N, C-alpha and C. Protein backbone atom coordinates (compact mmCIF):
# COMPACT_ATOMS: atom_id res chain seq x y z
N MET A 1 137.90 96.33 52.23
CA MET A 1 137.04 95.78 51.21
C MET A 1 137.90 94.94 50.28
N SER A 2 137.32 93.87 49.78
CA SER A 2 138.00 93.05 48.80
C SER A 2 137.00 92.62 47.74
N VAL A 3 137.54 92.03 46.68
CA VAL A 3 136.71 91.52 45.60
C VAL A 3 136.67 90.00 45.73
N VAL A 4 135.47 89.43 45.73
CA VAL A 4 135.28 88.00 45.87
C VAL A 4 134.42 87.49 44.72
N ASP A 5 134.37 86.17 44.56
CA ASP A 5 133.43 85.60 43.59
C ASP A 5 132.84 84.33 44.16
N LEU A 6 132.04 83.65 43.38
CA LEU A 6 131.32 82.47 43.86
C LEU A 6 132.16 81.21 43.83
N ASN A 7 133.32 81.26 43.21
CA ASN A 7 134.17 80.08 43.09
C ASN A 7 135.13 80.00 44.27
N THR A 8 135.31 78.80 44.81
CA THR A 8 136.22 78.62 45.93
C THR A 8 137.48 77.87 45.53
N ASN A 9 137.44 77.17 44.43
CA ASN A 9 138.58 76.37 43.99
C ASN A 9 139.35 77.09 42.88
N GLU A 10 139.99 78.19 43.25
CA GLU A 10 140.74 78.96 42.26
C GLU A 10 141.77 79.83 42.96
N TYR A 11 142.72 80.29 42.17
CA TYR A 11 143.72 81.23 42.66
C TYR A 11 144.29 81.98 41.46
N VAL A 12 144.90 83.13 41.70
CA VAL A 12 145.58 83.87 40.65
C VAL A 12 147.06 83.54 40.76
N ASP A 13 147.62 82.96 39.70
CA ASP A 13 149.03 82.59 39.66
C ASP A 13 149.88 83.86 39.71
N VAL A 14 150.75 83.97 40.70
CA VAL A 14 151.52 85.21 40.89
C VAL A 14 152.54 85.42 39.79
N GLN A 15 153.02 84.37 39.15
CA GLN A 15 154.02 84.54 38.09
C GLN A 15 153.39 84.94 36.76
N THR A 16 152.23 84.36 36.44
CA THR A 16 151.61 84.66 35.14
C THR A 16 150.48 85.67 35.25
N GLY A 17 149.91 85.83 36.45
CA GLY A 17 148.76 86.72 36.63
C GLY A 17 147.46 86.13 36.12
N LEU A 18 147.48 84.86 35.73
CA LEU A 18 146.29 84.20 35.19
C LEU A 18 145.49 83.52 36.28
N LEU A 19 144.17 83.53 36.12
CA LEU A 19 143.27 82.85 37.04
C LEU A 19 143.33 81.35 36.77
N GLN A 20 143.60 80.57 37.80
CA GLN A 20 143.67 79.11 37.68
C GLN A 20 142.52 78.50 38.47
N LYS A 21 141.71 77.67 37.80
CA LYS A 21 140.60 76.99 38.47
C LYS A 21 140.94 75.51 38.59
N PHE A 22 140.45 74.89 39.65
CA PHE A 22 140.65 73.46 39.82
C PHE A 22 139.41 72.86 40.47
N GLY A 23 139.34 71.53 40.45
CA GLY A 23 138.18 70.85 41.05
C GLY A 23 136.90 71.16 40.29
N THR A 24 135.80 71.27 41.03
CA THR A 24 134.49 71.46 40.41
C THR A 24 134.33 72.82 39.76
N ASP A 25 135.13 73.82 40.15
CA ASP A 25 135.02 75.14 39.53
C ASP A 25 135.43 75.14 38.06
N GLN A 26 136.22 74.14 37.63
CA GLN A 26 136.60 74.07 36.22
C GLN A 26 135.41 73.84 35.31
N GLY A 27 134.41 73.13 35.79
CA GLY A 27 133.27 72.80 34.95
C GLY A 27 131.98 73.49 35.34
N ARG A 28 132.04 74.49 36.20
CA ARG A 28 130.82 75.17 36.66
C ARG A 28 130.19 75.96 35.52
N ALA A 29 128.88 75.86 35.41
CA ALA A 29 128.15 76.61 34.38
C ALA A 29 128.20 78.10 34.69
N GLY A 30 128.29 78.91 33.63
CA GLY A 30 128.33 80.36 33.79
C GLY A 30 126.98 80.94 34.16
N ARG A 31 127.00 82.16 34.66
CA ARG A 31 125.78 82.85 35.06
C ARG A 31 125.47 84.01 34.12
N SER A 32 126.20 84.08 33.02
CA SER A 32 126.01 85.21 32.13
C SER A 32 126.40 84.85 30.70
N GLY A 33 126.13 85.76 29.79
CA GLY A 33 126.48 85.57 28.40
C GLY A 33 126.39 86.89 27.65
N GLU A 34 127.01 86.93 26.46
CA GLU A 34 126.98 88.13 25.63
C GLU A 34 126.24 87.84 24.34
N TYR A 35 125.46 88.82 23.91
CA TYR A 35 124.68 88.69 22.69
C TYR A 35 124.93 89.91 21.83
N SER A 36 124.95 89.72 20.52
CA SER A 36 125.13 90.83 19.60
C SER A 36 123.83 91.05 18.82
N VAL A 37 123.40 92.28 18.76
CA VAL A 37 122.22 92.64 17.98
C VAL A 37 122.75 93.26 16.69
N LEU A 38 122.81 92.48 15.64
CA LEU A 38 123.53 92.88 14.45
C LEU A 38 122.94 94.08 13.72
N GLN A 39 121.63 94.25 13.72
CA GLN A 39 121.04 95.31 12.92
C GLN A 39 121.41 96.71 13.40
N ASP A 40 121.71 96.87 14.69
CA ASP A 40 122.08 98.21 15.14
C ASP A 40 123.46 98.26 15.79
N GLY A 41 124.22 97.17 15.73
CA GLY A 41 125.59 97.16 16.22
C GLY A 41 125.72 97.15 17.73
N ARG A 42 124.63 96.94 18.43
CA ARG A 42 124.69 96.91 19.89
C ARG A 42 125.05 95.52 20.38
N HIS A 43 125.69 95.51 21.53
CA HIS A 43 125.98 94.27 22.23
C HIS A 43 125.20 94.30 23.54
N MET A 44 124.92 93.13 24.06
CA MET A 44 124.21 93.04 25.34
C MET A 44 124.80 91.90 26.14
N VAL A 45 125.15 92.19 27.37
CA VAL A 45 125.61 91.18 28.31
C VAL A 45 124.49 90.97 29.31
N ALA A 46 124.11 89.73 29.52
CA ALA A 46 123.06 89.40 30.50
C ALA A 46 123.68 88.59 31.62
N VAL A 47 123.41 89.00 32.86
CA VAL A 47 123.90 88.27 34.04
C VAL A 47 122.74 88.00 34.97
N THR A 48 122.72 86.82 35.54
CA THR A 48 121.72 86.45 36.53
C THR A 48 122.35 86.60 37.91
N ILE A 49 121.67 87.33 38.79
CA ILE A 49 122.21 87.57 40.12
C ILE A 49 121.24 87.03 41.17
N ASP A 50 121.72 86.08 41.96
CA ASP A 50 120.98 85.60 43.13
C ASP A 50 121.30 86.58 44.24
N LEU A 51 120.34 87.42 44.60
CA LEU A 51 120.59 88.48 45.57
C LEU A 51 121.01 87.94 46.93
N SER A 52 120.51 86.76 47.30
CA SER A 52 120.85 86.19 48.61
C SER A 52 122.26 85.63 48.65
N ALA A 53 122.92 85.46 47.50
CA ALA A 53 124.27 84.91 47.46
C ALA A 53 125.34 86.01 47.46
N LEU A 54 124.92 87.27 47.45
CA LEU A 54 125.88 88.37 47.48
C LEU A 54 126.55 88.44 48.85
N PRO A 55 127.75 89.02 48.93
CA PRO A 55 128.36 89.20 50.25
C PRO A 55 127.48 90.10 51.11
N THR A 56 127.67 90.05 52.40
CA THR A 56 126.86 90.90 53.27
C THR A 56 127.25 92.36 53.10
N ALA A 57 126.30 93.24 53.34
CA ALA A 57 126.58 94.67 53.26
C ALA A 57 127.65 95.06 54.27
N ALA A 58 127.63 94.42 55.43
CA ALA A 58 128.60 94.74 56.48
C ALA A 58 130.03 94.40 56.08
N SER A 59 130.20 93.40 55.20
CA SER A 59 131.55 93.00 54.80
C SER A 59 132.21 94.04 53.90
N GLY A 60 131.40 94.78 53.16
CA GLY A 60 131.95 95.77 52.23
C GLY A 60 132.60 95.16 51.01
N ASN A 61 132.42 93.86 50.78
CA ASN A 61 133.05 93.18 49.65
C ASN A 61 132.24 93.34 48.37
N GLU A 62 132.95 93.29 47.26
CA GLU A 62 132.34 93.29 45.93
C GLU A 62 132.44 91.87 45.39
N GLN A 63 131.37 91.38 44.75
CA GLN A 63 131.38 90.03 44.20
C GLN A 63 131.46 90.07 42.69
N ILE A 64 132.40 89.34 42.13
CA ILE A 64 132.46 89.16 40.68
C ILE A 64 131.34 88.19 40.31
N ILE A 65 130.48 88.59 39.37
CA ILE A 65 129.31 87.78 39.04
C ILE A 65 129.67 86.57 38.18
N ASP A 66 130.58 86.73 37.22
CA ASP A 66 130.96 85.63 36.35
C ASP A 66 132.34 85.92 35.79
N ASP A 67 133.22 84.91 35.81
CA ASP A 67 134.58 85.10 35.31
C ASP A 67 134.68 85.13 33.79
N SER A 68 133.67 84.64 33.11
CA SER A 68 133.80 84.43 31.67
C SER A 68 133.26 85.57 30.81
N VAL A 69 132.59 86.54 31.40
CA VAL A 69 132.00 87.62 30.60
C VAL A 69 132.56 88.95 31.07
N THR A 70 133.00 89.75 30.10
CA THR A 70 133.56 91.06 30.40
C THR A 70 132.89 92.13 29.55
N ILE A 71 133.06 93.36 29.98
CA ILE A 71 132.72 94.51 29.14
C ILE A 71 134.05 95.01 28.60
N PRO A 72 134.25 95.02 27.27
CA PRO A 72 135.57 95.31 26.73
C PRO A 72 135.95 96.80 26.79
N ALA A 73 137.25 97.03 26.84
CA ALA A 73 137.76 98.40 26.77
C ALA A 73 137.24 99.02 25.47
N GLY A 74 136.84 100.27 25.53
CA GLY A 74 136.30 100.97 24.37
C GLY A 74 134.80 100.86 24.23
N ALA A 75 134.16 100.08 25.10
CA ALA A 75 132.70 99.93 25.04
C ALA A 75 132.03 101.22 25.53
N PHE A 76 131.03 101.67 24.79
CA PHE A 76 130.21 102.81 25.19
C PHE A 76 128.97 102.25 25.85
N ILE A 77 128.85 102.43 27.17
CA ILE A 77 127.74 101.87 27.93
C ILE A 77 126.49 102.71 27.66
N GLU A 78 125.45 102.08 27.11
CA GLU A 78 124.24 102.80 26.72
C GLU A 78 123.11 102.69 27.74
N GLN A 79 122.93 101.50 28.30
CA GLN A 79 121.73 101.27 29.11
C GLN A 79 121.94 100.03 29.98
N VAL A 80 121.30 100.02 31.15
CA VAL A 80 121.28 98.86 32.03
C VAL A 80 119.83 98.57 32.39
N ASP A 81 119.38 97.34 32.18
CA ASP A 81 118.03 96.91 32.55
C ASP A 81 118.11 95.90 33.67
N VAL A 82 117.14 95.93 34.58
CA VAL A 82 117.03 94.94 35.65
C VAL A 82 115.63 94.33 35.56
N LEU A 83 115.57 93.01 35.43
CA LEU A 83 114.32 92.27 35.35
C LEU A 83 114.21 91.37 36.58
N VAL A 84 113.11 91.48 37.32
CA VAL A 84 112.90 90.66 38.51
C VAL A 84 112.35 89.30 38.08
N THR A 85 113.08 88.21 38.42
CA THR A 85 112.64 86.87 38.04
C THR A 85 112.29 86.00 39.24
N LYS A 86 112.68 86.40 40.44
CA LYS A 86 112.24 85.76 41.68
C LYS A 86 112.09 86.87 42.70
N GLU A 87 110.93 86.92 43.34
CA GLU A 87 110.62 88.03 44.22
C GLU A 87 111.66 88.21 45.32
N PRO A 88 112.22 89.41 45.42
CA PRO A 88 113.20 89.69 46.48
C PRO A 88 112.53 89.76 47.85
N THR A 89 113.21 89.24 48.86
CA THR A 89 112.77 89.40 50.24
C THR A 89 113.95 89.89 51.07
N THR A 90 113.62 90.66 52.08
CA THR A 90 114.66 91.26 52.92
C THR A 90 114.04 91.68 54.24
N SER A 91 114.89 91.85 55.23
CA SER A 91 114.41 92.36 56.51
C SER A 91 114.72 93.84 56.66
N GLY A 92 115.40 94.41 55.68
CA GLY A 92 115.77 95.83 55.72
C GLY A 92 115.42 96.51 54.42
N SER A 93 116.19 97.49 54.07
CA SER A 93 116.00 98.21 52.81
C SER A 93 117.31 98.23 52.04
N PRO A 94 117.67 97.12 51.41
CA PRO A 94 118.95 97.06 50.72
C PRO A 94 118.94 97.83 49.40
N ASN A 95 120.11 98.27 49.01
CA ASN A 95 120.34 98.89 47.70
C ASN A 95 121.40 98.05 47.00
N LEU A 96 121.38 98.06 45.69
CA LEU A 96 122.35 97.28 44.92
C LEU A 96 123.31 98.22 44.21
N ASP A 97 124.60 97.94 44.36
CA ASP A 97 125.63 98.58 43.55
C ASP A 97 126.07 97.57 42.51
N LEU A 98 126.14 98.01 41.26
CA LEU A 98 126.59 97.16 40.16
C LEU A 98 127.67 97.92 39.42
N GLY A 99 128.80 97.29 39.22
CA GLY A 99 129.90 98.00 38.58
C GLY A 99 130.89 97.07 37.92
N LEU A 100 132.13 97.56 37.81
CA LEU A 100 133.17 96.83 37.10
C LEU A 100 134.47 96.85 37.90
N VAL A 101 135.20 95.72 37.81
CA VAL A 101 136.54 95.62 38.35
C VAL A 101 137.45 95.20 37.19
N ASP A 102 138.68 95.68 37.21
CA ASP A 102 139.64 95.35 36.16
C ASP A 102 139.89 93.85 36.13
N GLN A 103 140.44 93.36 35.03
CA GLN A 103 140.69 91.93 34.90
C GLN A 103 141.73 91.40 35.88
N ASP A 104 142.48 92.28 36.53
CA ASP A 104 143.40 91.82 37.57
C ASP A 104 142.65 91.40 38.83
N ARG A 105 141.33 91.66 38.86
CA ARG A 105 140.41 91.23 39.91
C ARG A 105 140.55 92.01 41.21
N THR A 106 141.34 93.09 41.21
CA THR A 106 141.50 93.90 42.42
C THR A 106 141.32 95.39 42.16
N THR A 107 141.62 95.86 40.96
CA THR A 107 141.59 97.29 40.66
C THR A 107 140.18 97.72 40.28
N GLU A 108 139.63 98.63 41.07
CA GLU A 108 138.28 99.12 40.82
C GLU A 108 138.25 99.99 39.56
N ILE A 109 137.33 99.67 38.64
CA ILE A 109 137.01 100.59 37.55
C ILE A 109 135.96 101.55 38.09
N ASP A 110 134.86 101.00 38.58
CA ASP A 110 133.85 101.77 39.32
C ASP A 110 132.85 100.77 39.86
N PHE A 111 132.86 100.55 41.18
CA PHE A 111 132.02 99.52 41.78
C PHE A 111 130.53 99.86 41.77
N ASN A 112 130.16 101.10 41.54
CA ASN A 112 128.74 101.44 41.36
C ASN A 112 128.54 102.24 40.08
N GLY A 113 129.37 101.95 39.09
CA GLY A 113 129.34 102.68 37.84
C GLY A 113 128.19 102.30 36.91
N LEU A 114 127.54 101.17 37.14
CA LEU A 114 126.40 100.76 36.31
C LEU A 114 125.08 101.05 37.01
N ILE A 115 124.99 100.69 38.28
CA ILE A 115 123.83 101.05 39.11
C ILE A 115 124.38 101.51 40.46
N ALA A 116 123.94 102.67 40.89
CA ALA A 116 124.41 103.24 42.15
C ALA A 116 123.26 103.24 43.16
N ALA A 117 123.35 102.36 44.13
CA ALA A 117 122.35 102.25 45.20
C ALA A 117 120.94 102.04 44.66
N GLY A 118 120.81 101.13 43.70
CA GLY A 118 119.50 100.81 43.13
C GLY A 118 118.60 100.14 44.16
N ASP A 119 117.39 100.64 44.30
CA ASP A 119 116.51 100.08 45.33
C ASP A 119 115.10 99.81 44.85
N GLY A 120 114.86 99.74 43.58
CA GLY A 120 113.50 99.56 43.07
C GLY A 120 112.94 98.18 43.24
N TRP A 121 113.77 97.18 43.46
CA TRP A 121 113.27 95.80 43.50
C TRP A 121 113.38 95.23 44.92
N GLU A 122 112.70 95.87 45.82
CA GLU A 122 112.68 95.41 47.20
C GLU A 122 111.54 94.41 47.38
N THR A 123 111.29 94.00 48.62
CA THR A 123 110.24 93.03 48.92
C THR A 123 108.92 93.48 48.31
N GLY A 124 108.24 92.55 47.66
CA GLY A 124 106.93 92.85 47.09
C GLY A 124 106.96 93.24 45.63
N THR A 125 108.14 93.34 45.04
CA THR A 125 108.23 93.68 43.62
C THR A 125 107.68 92.53 42.79
N ASP A 126 106.78 92.82 41.88
CA ASP A 126 106.16 91.78 41.06
C ASP A 126 107.17 91.15 40.11
N LEU A 127 107.00 89.84 39.91
CA LEU A 127 107.82 89.14 38.93
C LEU A 127 107.59 89.76 37.56
N GLY A 128 108.64 89.86 36.79
CA GLY A 128 108.53 90.43 35.45
C GLY A 128 108.64 91.94 35.41
N THR A 129 108.78 92.60 36.56
CA THR A 129 108.95 94.05 36.58
C THR A 129 110.31 94.39 36.00
N LEU A 130 110.34 95.35 35.09
CA LEU A 130 111.56 95.75 34.40
C LEU A 130 111.91 97.19 34.77
N PHE A 131 113.16 97.40 35.18
CA PHE A 131 113.67 98.74 35.50
C PHE A 131 114.74 99.06 34.48
N THR A 132 114.71 100.27 33.90
CA THR A 132 115.67 100.69 32.90
C THR A 132 116.44 101.90 33.39
N TYR A 133 117.76 101.82 33.27
CA TYR A 133 118.64 102.91 33.68
C TYR A 133 119.42 103.41 32.47
N VAL A 134 119.28 104.69 32.17
CA VAL A 134 120.03 105.35 31.12
C VAL A 134 120.67 106.59 31.73
N LYS A 135 121.60 107.21 30.99
CA LYS A 135 122.28 108.39 31.51
C LYS A 135 121.26 109.44 31.97
N GLY A 136 121.46 109.93 33.17
CA GLY A 136 120.59 110.97 33.70
C GLY A 136 119.44 110.48 34.55
N THR A 137 119.16 109.17 34.55
CA THR A 137 118.08 108.68 35.40
C THR A 137 118.60 108.43 36.82
N ILE A 138 117.70 108.51 37.77
CA ILE A 138 118.07 108.29 39.17
C ILE A 138 118.62 106.88 39.32
N GLN A 139 119.69 106.74 40.06
CA GLN A 139 120.37 105.49 40.38
C GLN A 139 121.17 104.92 39.21
N ALA A 140 121.24 105.62 38.08
CA ALA A 140 122.12 105.20 36.99
C ALA A 140 123.55 105.51 37.40
N GLY A 141 124.45 104.56 37.19
CA GLY A 141 125.85 104.76 37.54
C GLY A 141 126.56 105.70 36.59
N ALA A 142 127.72 106.17 37.02
CA ALA A 142 128.49 107.15 36.26
C ALA A 142 129.06 106.61 34.95
N LEU A 143 129.15 105.29 34.79
CA LEU A 143 129.69 104.72 33.55
C LEU A 143 128.66 104.70 32.42
N ILE A 144 127.38 104.83 32.75
CA ILE A 144 126.36 104.84 31.71
C ILE A 144 126.48 106.16 30.95
N GLY A 145 126.59 106.06 29.63
CA GLY A 145 126.77 107.25 28.80
C GLY A 145 128.23 107.61 28.60
N THR A 146 129.13 106.68 28.95
CA THR A 146 130.56 106.93 28.75
C THR A 146 131.21 105.73 28.08
N LYS A 147 132.42 105.96 27.59
CA LYS A 147 133.23 104.89 27.00
C LYS A 147 134.24 104.46 28.06
N ILE A 148 134.27 103.16 28.37
CA ILE A 148 135.22 102.70 29.38
C ILE A 148 136.58 102.46 28.74
N THR A 149 137.62 102.62 29.54
CA THR A 149 138.98 102.52 29.02
C THR A 149 139.67 101.20 29.34
N ASN A 150 139.14 100.45 30.30
CA ASN A 150 139.71 99.15 30.66
C ASN A 150 138.64 98.08 30.54
N THR A 151 139.04 96.88 30.17
CA THR A 151 138.13 95.75 30.15
C THR A 151 137.80 95.37 31.58
N GLY A 152 136.50 95.15 31.86
CA GLY A 152 136.10 94.89 33.23
C GLY A 152 135.20 93.69 33.42
N LEU A 153 135.32 93.09 34.59
CA LEU A 153 134.41 92.04 35.05
C LEU A 153 133.28 92.70 35.83
N ILE A 154 132.09 92.16 35.75
CA ILE A 154 130.91 92.74 36.39
C ILE A 154 130.89 92.35 37.87
N THR A 155 130.67 93.36 38.73
CA THR A 155 130.61 93.13 40.17
C THR A 155 129.28 93.62 40.73
N ALA A 156 128.91 93.06 41.87
CA ALA A 156 127.69 93.50 42.56
C ALA A 156 127.91 93.43 44.06
N SER A 157 127.21 94.29 44.77
CA SER A 157 127.26 94.26 46.24
C SER A 157 126.02 94.96 46.80
N PRO A 158 125.56 94.51 47.98
CA PRO A 158 124.45 95.20 48.62
C PRO A 158 124.96 96.40 49.43
N ASP A 159 124.12 97.40 49.52
CA ASP A 159 124.40 98.56 50.37
C ASP A 159 123.39 98.55 51.51
N THR A 160 123.77 98.85 52.68
CA THR A 160 122.93 99.10 53.86
C THR A 160 122.24 97.87 54.46
N ALA A 161 121.82 96.89 53.70
CA ALA A 161 121.15 95.69 54.23
C ALA A 161 121.32 94.55 53.23
N ASP A 162 120.86 93.35 53.61
CA ASP A 162 121.04 92.16 52.78
C ASP A 162 119.69 91.59 52.34
N TRP A 163 119.71 90.87 51.21
CA TRP A 163 118.52 90.16 50.76
C TRP A 163 118.55 88.75 51.32
N THR A 164 117.39 88.19 51.60
CA THR A 164 117.30 86.81 52.04
C THR A 164 116.87 85.90 50.90
N ALA A 165 116.34 86.46 49.83
CA ALA A 165 115.96 85.71 48.63
C ALA A 165 115.79 86.71 47.50
N GLY A 166 115.70 86.19 46.30
CA GLY A 166 115.44 87.03 45.14
C GLY A 166 116.46 86.83 44.04
N VAL A 167 115.99 86.88 42.81
CA VAL A 167 116.86 86.74 41.64
C VAL A 167 116.49 87.82 40.64
N ILE A 168 117.50 88.46 40.09
CA ILE A 168 117.29 89.45 39.03
C ILE A 168 118.17 89.10 37.84
N VAL A 169 117.74 89.53 36.67
CA VAL A 169 118.55 89.42 35.46
C VAL A 169 118.91 90.84 35.07
N VAL A 170 120.20 91.08 34.94
CA VAL A 170 120.70 92.40 34.56
C VAL A 170 121.19 92.32 33.13
N ARG A 171 120.75 93.26 32.30
CA ARG A 171 121.18 93.34 30.90
C ARG A 171 121.91 94.66 30.71
N ILE A 172 123.15 94.58 30.25
CA ILE A 172 123.97 95.76 30.03
C ILE A 172 124.16 95.91 28.52
N TYR A 173 123.69 97.03 27.98
CA TYR A 173 123.77 97.30 26.55
C TYR A 173 124.94 98.23 26.28
N PHE A 174 125.76 97.89 25.28
CA PHE A 174 126.88 98.75 24.92
C PHE A 174 127.16 98.64 23.42
N SER A 175 127.89 99.61 22.89
CA SER A 175 128.29 99.58 21.49
C SER A 175 129.80 99.76 21.42
N LEU A 176 130.37 99.22 20.36
CA LEU A 176 131.80 99.34 20.11
C LEU A 176 131.98 100.00 18.76
N HIS A 177 132.73 101.07 18.74
CA HIS A 177 132.99 101.77 17.48
C HIS A 177 134.20 101.14 16.81
N PRO A 178 134.14 100.88 15.51
CA PRO A 178 135.26 100.20 14.84
C PRO A 178 136.52 101.05 14.73
N SER A 179 136.42 102.34 14.91
CA SER A 179 137.58 103.22 14.76
C SER A 179 138.31 103.39 16.09
N ALA A 180 139.63 103.34 16.02
CA ALA A 180 140.44 103.58 17.22
C ALA A 180 140.39 105.04 17.65
N ASN A 181 139.94 105.93 16.77
CA ASN A 181 139.88 107.34 17.08
C ASN A 181 138.57 107.77 17.74
N TYR A 182 137.70 106.84 17.95
CA TYR A 182 136.38 107.14 18.53
C TYR A 182 136.51 107.64 19.93
């Protein structure tokens, strides 16, 4: 298994460890963003995932969704929402794993720590259907309800089968405590 992303014109510089982009990947629009809800101190990262662009289940690869958005070390993961924005289609019964990889782009934090084998948005799911995952709910990953210790990039991969179409928006809610002793 390896970690891949949607960009082809990039490499990690072995001397500096920094991601270097060239060509059209330098100006590619992002697929995600972070928002702060000031009244309650929560943060929310939203990522758009084209299910048909994920690596195949048979490859066993994890895909980094966006290089520019991370969940910071010390974040307490509260909730993950999935909103269906384009009806998923498939010839099988795929499940989605959603998780985190360290900023080195190879070290697993937890590849299904946000959603573990999520399968609610299969063929026929109505547009606008919202699924919410909190600690203790079925298919909620092990990172929900915990504080992460490393900054991570968001990854996704199909389990068991592949999608032929479909788009979802994933919203990850977390809070950051101002104290280092938290």
